[in-house]
Amino acid sequence: MPLTHQDVARIAQLSRIAVTDAEIEAVGAQLNNIFGLIEKMQAVNTDGIEPMAHPQDVSLRLREDVVTETNHREAYQAVAPMVEKGLFLVPKVIE
């Protein structure tokens, strides 16, 4: 079922796209082509076919999970103003 001029105008209004009366014919033809392609795709029998994440059988190359940086936690906490062990003193930001 092809789209009418009123359908195209309504779709343009809902999508907030400014379409002039001269453009409605071209936009309608493009939308009808898209809907025709969707109908062809829906007509294909896909029973027994598993969904694919990628059209080719590829896998990602993974790097080894190795620690590359040293732990500076104690040095950072040594210079921070602390109230108690593990609790930091910060300025009040909400009045």
N, C-alpha and C. Protein backbone atom coordinates (compact mmCIF):
# COMPACT_ATOMS: atom_id res chain seq x y z
N MET A 1 0.85 -1.18 0.00
CA MET A 1 0.00 0.00 0.00
C MET A 1 0.89 1.24 0.00
N PRO A 2 0.92 1.96 -1.10
CA PRO A 2 1.77 3.16 -1.16
C PRO A 2 1.24 4.27 -0.27
N LEU A 3 2.16 5.12 0.15
CA LEU A 3 1.80 6.25 1.00
C LEU A 3 1.16 7.36 0.16
N THR A 4 0.16 8.01 0.72
CA THR A 4 -0.49 9.13 0.05
C THR A 4 0.24 10.43 0.42
N HIS A 5 -0.15 11.51 -0.25
CA HIS A 5 0.45 12.82 0.06
C HIS A 5 0.16 13.21 1.51
N GLN A 6 -1.04 12.88 1.99
CA GLN A 6 -1.39 13.20 3.37
C GLN A 6 -0.53 12.39 4.35
N ASP A 7 -0.26 11.13 4.02
CA ASP A 7 0.60 10.30 4.88
C ASP A 7 2.00 10.89 4.98
N VAL A 8 2.55 11.27 3.84
CA VAL A 8 3.91 11.83 3.82
C VAL A 8 3.94 13.15 4.59
N ALA A 9 2.94 13.98 4.43
CA ALA A 9 2.89 15.25 5.15
C ALA A 9 2.78 15.01 6.65
N ARG A 10 2.01 14.01 7.04
CA ARG A 10 1.85 13.69 8.48
C ARG A 10 3.15 13.14 9.06
N ILE A 11 3.82 12.27 8.31
CA ILE A 11 5.11 11.73 8.76
C ILE A 11 6.13 12.85 8.91
N ALA A 12 6.15 13.78 7.94
CA ALA A 12 7.07 14.91 8.02
C ALA A 12 6.77 15.78 9.23
N GLN A 13 5.50 15.99 9.51
CA GLN A 13 5.12 16.80 10.68
C GLN A 13 5.54 16.11 11.97
N LEU A 14 5.29 14.81 12.08
CA LEU A 14 5.64 14.09 13.29
C LEU A 14 7.15 14.03 13.52
N SER A 15 7.92 13.98 12.43
CA SER A 15 9.37 13.91 12.56
C SER A 15 10.01 15.29 12.56
N ARG A 16 9.19 16.33 12.52
CA ARG A 16 9.66 17.73 12.57
C ARG A 16 10.60 18.03 11.42
N ILE A 17 10.24 17.54 10.22
CA ILE A 17 11.02 17.80 9.01
C ILE A 17 10.19 18.71 8.12
N ALA A 18 10.78 19.80 7.68
CA ALA A 18 10.08 20.73 6.80
C ALA A 18 10.13 20.19 5.38
N VAL A 19 8.98 19.78 4.87
CA VAL A 19 8.87 19.25 3.51
C VAL A 19 7.88 20.12 2.76
N THR A 20 8.33 20.70 1.65
CA THR A 20 7.45 21.53 0.85
C THR A 20 6.54 20.64 0.01
N ASP A 21 5.50 21.25 -0.57
CA ASP A 21 4.58 20.49 -1.42
C ASP A 21 5.30 19.90 -2.63
N ALA A 22 6.32 20.59 -3.11
CA ALA A 22 7.07 20.09 -4.26
C ALA A 22 7.93 18.87 -3.90
N GLU A 23 8.35 18.79 -2.64
CA GLU A 23 9.21 17.69 -2.20
C GLU A 23 8.42 16.46 -1.77
N ILE A 24 7.13 16.62 -1.51
CA ILE A 24 6.33 15.51 -0.99
C ILE A 24 6.34 14.32 -1.94
N GLU A 25 6.28 14.59 -3.24
CA GLU A 25 6.27 13.49 -4.22
C GLU A 25 7.56 12.67 -4.15
N ALA A 26 8.72 13.35 -4.10
CA ALA A 26 10.01 12.66 -4.05
C ALA A 26 10.19 11.91 -2.73
N VAL A 27 9.82 12.55 -1.63
CA VAL A 27 9.95 11.91 -0.32
C VAL A 27 9.02 10.70 -0.24
N GLY A 28 7.82 10.83 -0.76
CA GLY A 28 6.89 9.71 -0.77
C GLY A 28 7.41 8.54 -1.57
N ALA A 29 8.05 8.81 -2.72
CA ALA A 29 8.63 7.74 -3.53
C ALA A 29 9.77 7.05 -2.79
N GLN A 30 10.60 7.83 -2.10
CA GLN A 30 11.70 7.24 -1.34
C GLN A 30 11.17 6.38 -0.19
N LEU A 31 10.17 6.87 0.52
CA LEU A 31 9.59 6.09 1.62
C LEU A 31 8.93 4.81 1.09
N ASN A 32 8.24 4.90 -0.04
CA ASN A 32 7.62 3.71 -0.62
C ASN A 32 8.68 2.69 -1.03
N ASN A 33 9.82 3.15 -1.55
CA ASN A 33 10.92 2.23 -1.88
C ASN A 33 11.45 1.54 -0.64
N ILE A 34 11.58 2.27 0.45
CA ILE A 34 12.06 1.70 1.70
C ILE A 34 11.07 0.65 2.22
N PHE A 35 9.78 0.99 2.21
CA PHE A 35 8.78 0.03 2.67
C PHE A 35 8.70 -1.19 1.77
N GLY A 36 8.95 -1.01 0.47
CA GLY A 36 8.99 -2.14 -0.45
C GLY A 36 10.14 -3.08 -0.14
N LEU A 37 11.29 -2.51 0.19
CA LEU A 37 12.45 -3.32 0.57
C LEU A 37 12.17 -4.09 1.86
N ILE A 38 11.52 -3.44 2.81
CA ILE A 38 11.18 -4.11 4.07
C ILE A 38 10.23 -5.27 3.81
N GLU A 39 9.26 -5.10 2.91
CA GLU A 39 8.35 -6.19 2.58
C GLU A 39 9.08 -7.36 1.95
N LYS A 40 10.04 -7.09 1.07
CA LYS A 40 10.84 -8.16 0.47
C LYS A 40 11.64 -8.90 1.52
N MET A 41 12.22 -8.17 2.47
CA MET A 41 13.02 -8.80 3.51
C MET A 41 12.15 -9.65 4.43
N GLN A 42 10.92 -9.21 4.70
CA GLN A 42 10.03 -9.98 5.56
C GLN A 42 9.52 -11.23 4.85
N ALA A 43 9.54 -11.26 3.52
CA ALA A 43 9.06 -12.41 2.78
C ALA A 43 10.06 -13.57 2.78
N VAL A 44 11.31 -13.31 3.14
CA VAL A 44 12.34 -14.34 3.15
C VAL A 44 12.11 -15.28 4.33
N ASN A 45 12.18 -16.59 4.08
CA ASN A 45 12.00 -17.58 5.14
C ASN A 45 13.31 -17.71 5.93
N THR A 46 13.27 -17.39 7.21
CA THR A 46 14.46 -17.44 8.06
C THR A 46 14.33 -18.50 9.14
N ASP A 47 13.44 -19.46 8.97
CA ASP A 47 13.28 -20.52 9.97
C ASP A 47 14.55 -21.36 10.03
N GLY A 48 15.01 -21.63 11.22
CA GLY A 48 16.19 -22.46 11.42
C GLY A 48 17.51 -21.74 11.25
N ILE A 49 17.49 -20.45 11.02
CA ILE A 49 18.72 -19.68 10.86
C ILE A 49 18.99 -18.92 12.15
N GLU A 50 20.16 -19.15 12.72
CA GLU A 50 20.51 -18.48 13.98
C GLU A 50 20.94 -17.03 13.71
N PRO A 51 20.57 -16.12 14.60
CA PRO A 51 21.02 -14.73 14.44
C PRO A 51 22.54 -14.65 14.57
N MET A 52 23.11 -13.70 13.85
CA MET A 52 24.57 -13.53 13.87
C MET A 52 24.92 -12.17 14.45
N ALA A 53 26.01 -12.12 15.19
CA ALA A 53 26.49 -10.84 15.70
C ALA A 53 27.30 -10.11 14.63
N HIS A 54 27.86 -10.87 13.69
CA HIS A 54 28.69 -10.29 12.64
C HIS A 54 28.58 -11.19 11.42
N PRO A 55 28.57 -10.63 10.22
CA PRO A 55 28.41 -11.47 9.04
C PRO A 55 29.60 -12.39 8.76
N GLN A 56 30.74 -12.11 9.34
CA GLN A 56 31.91 -12.97 9.17
C GLN A 56 32.26 -13.59 10.51
N ASP A 57 32.85 -14.76 10.47
CA ASP A 57 33.23 -15.45 11.69
C ASP A 57 34.57 -14.91 12.17
N VAL A 58 34.51 -13.84 12.95
CA VAL A 58 35.72 -13.19 13.45
C VAL A 58 35.66 -13.13 14.97
N SER A 59 36.82 -13.02 15.58
CA SER A 59 36.87 -12.82 17.03
C SER A 59 37.86 -11.69 17.31
N LEU A 60 37.65 -11.04 18.41
CA LEU A 60 38.51 -9.92 18.78
C LEU A 60 39.84 -10.42 19.33
N ARG A 61 40.88 -9.72 18.98
CA ARG A 61 42.17 -10.03 19.57
C ARG A 61 42.19 -9.41 20.95
N LEU A 62 42.48 -10.19 21.95
CA LEU A 62 42.48 -9.70 23.32
C LEU A 62 43.90 -9.63 23.84
N ARG A 63 44.16 -8.60 24.63
CA ARG A 63 45.47 -8.51 25.25
C ARG A 63 45.42 -9.25 26.59
N GLU A 64 46.57 -9.61 27.08
CA GLU A 64 46.61 -10.29 28.36
C GLU A 64 46.29 -9.30 29.47
N ASP A 65 45.62 -9.76 30.50
CA ASP A 65 45.24 -8.93 31.62
C ASP A 65 46.41 -8.88 32.61
N VAL A 66 47.29 -7.91 32.39
CA VAL A 66 48.50 -7.79 33.19
C VAL A 66 48.55 -6.38 33.78
N VAL A 67 48.93 -6.27 35.04
CA VAL A 67 49.08 -4.97 35.69
C VAL A 67 50.31 -4.30 35.11
N THR A 68 50.13 -3.06 34.62
CA THR A 68 51.25 -2.34 34.01
C THR A 68 51.70 -1.14 34.84
N GLU A 69 50.92 -0.74 35.82
CA GLU A 69 51.27 0.41 36.64
C GLU A 69 51.46 -0.04 38.08
N THR A 70 52.31 0.69 38.79
CA THR A 70 52.53 0.36 40.19
C THR A 70 51.46 1.02 41.05
N ASN A 71 51.26 0.50 42.23
CA ASN A 71 50.23 1.00 43.14
C ASN A 71 50.81 2.18 43.93
N HIS A 72 50.23 3.38 43.75
CA HIS A 72 50.67 4.59 44.44
C HIS A 72 49.68 5.00 45.54
N ARG A 73 48.82 4.11 45.96
CA ARG A 73 47.75 4.45 46.90
C ARG A 73 48.30 5.02 48.21
N GLU A 74 49.27 4.38 48.78
CA GLU A 74 49.82 4.83 50.06
C GLU A 74 50.46 6.22 49.93
N ALA A 75 51.13 6.50 48.84
CA ALA A 75 51.76 7.81 48.65
C ALA A 75 50.71 8.89 48.49
N TYR A 76 49.63 8.60 47.77
CA TYR A 76 48.56 9.58 47.59
C TYR A 76 47.81 9.84 48.89
N GLN A 77 47.59 8.81 49.67
CA GLN A 77 46.88 8.99 50.93
C GLN A 77 47.75 9.66 51.99
N ALA A 78 49.03 9.55 51.87
CA ALA A 78 49.93 10.16 52.86
C ALA A 78 49.87 11.69 52.80
N VAL A 79 49.60 12.27 51.64
CA VAL A 79 49.58 13.72 51.53
C VAL A 79 48.16 14.29 51.61
N ALA A 80 47.15 13.45 51.69
CA ALA A 80 45.77 13.92 51.74
C ALA A 80 45.37 14.18 53.19
N PRO A 81 44.61 15.27 53.44
CA PRO A 81 44.13 15.52 54.81
C PRO A 81 43.07 14.48 55.18
N MET A 82 43.30 13.77 56.27
CA MET A 82 42.40 12.69 56.66
C MET A 82 41.81 12.96 58.04
N VAL A 83 40.56 12.58 58.22
CA VAL A 83 39.90 12.65 59.51
C VAL A 83 40.22 11.38 60.28
N GLU A 84 40.02 10.27 59.62
CA GLU A 84 40.33 8.95 60.17
C GLU A 84 40.99 8.13 59.09
N LYS A 85 41.42 6.96 59.45
CA LYS A 85 42.02 6.06 58.46
C LYS A 85 40.97 5.73 57.39
N GLY A 86 41.22 6.09 56.15
CA GLY A 86 40.31 5.79 55.06
C GLY A 86 39.27 6.85 54.80
N LEU A 87 39.11 7.86 55.68
CA LEU A 87 38.15 8.94 55.47
C LEU A 87 38.90 10.23 55.21
N PHE A 88 38.56 10.92 54.13
CA PHE A 88 39.27 12.13 53.74
C PHE A 88 38.49 13.37 54.14
N LEU A 89 39.19 14.41 54.46
CA LEU A 89 38.60 15.69 54.81
C LEU A 89 38.47 16.51 53.52
N VAL A 90 37.24 16.88 53.19
CA VAL A 90 36.99 17.65 51.97
C VAL A 90 36.24 18.91 52.34
N PRO A 91 36.37 19.98 51.54
CA PRO A 91 35.63 21.22 51.84
C PRO A 91 34.14 21.03 51.60
N LYS A 92 33.34 21.75 52.40
CA LYS A 92 31.89 21.70 52.27
C LYS A 92 31.49 22.42 51.00
N VAL A 93 30.70 21.76 50.14
CA VAL A 93 30.30 22.37 48.89
C VAL A 93 28.80 22.70 48.86
N ILE A 94 28.03 22.18 49.79
CA ILE A 94 26.59 22.47 49.87
C ILE A 94 26.36 23.28 51.13
N GLU A 95 25.68 24.39 50.97
CA GLU A 95 25.45 25.24 52.15
C GLU A 95 24.12 24.95 52.79
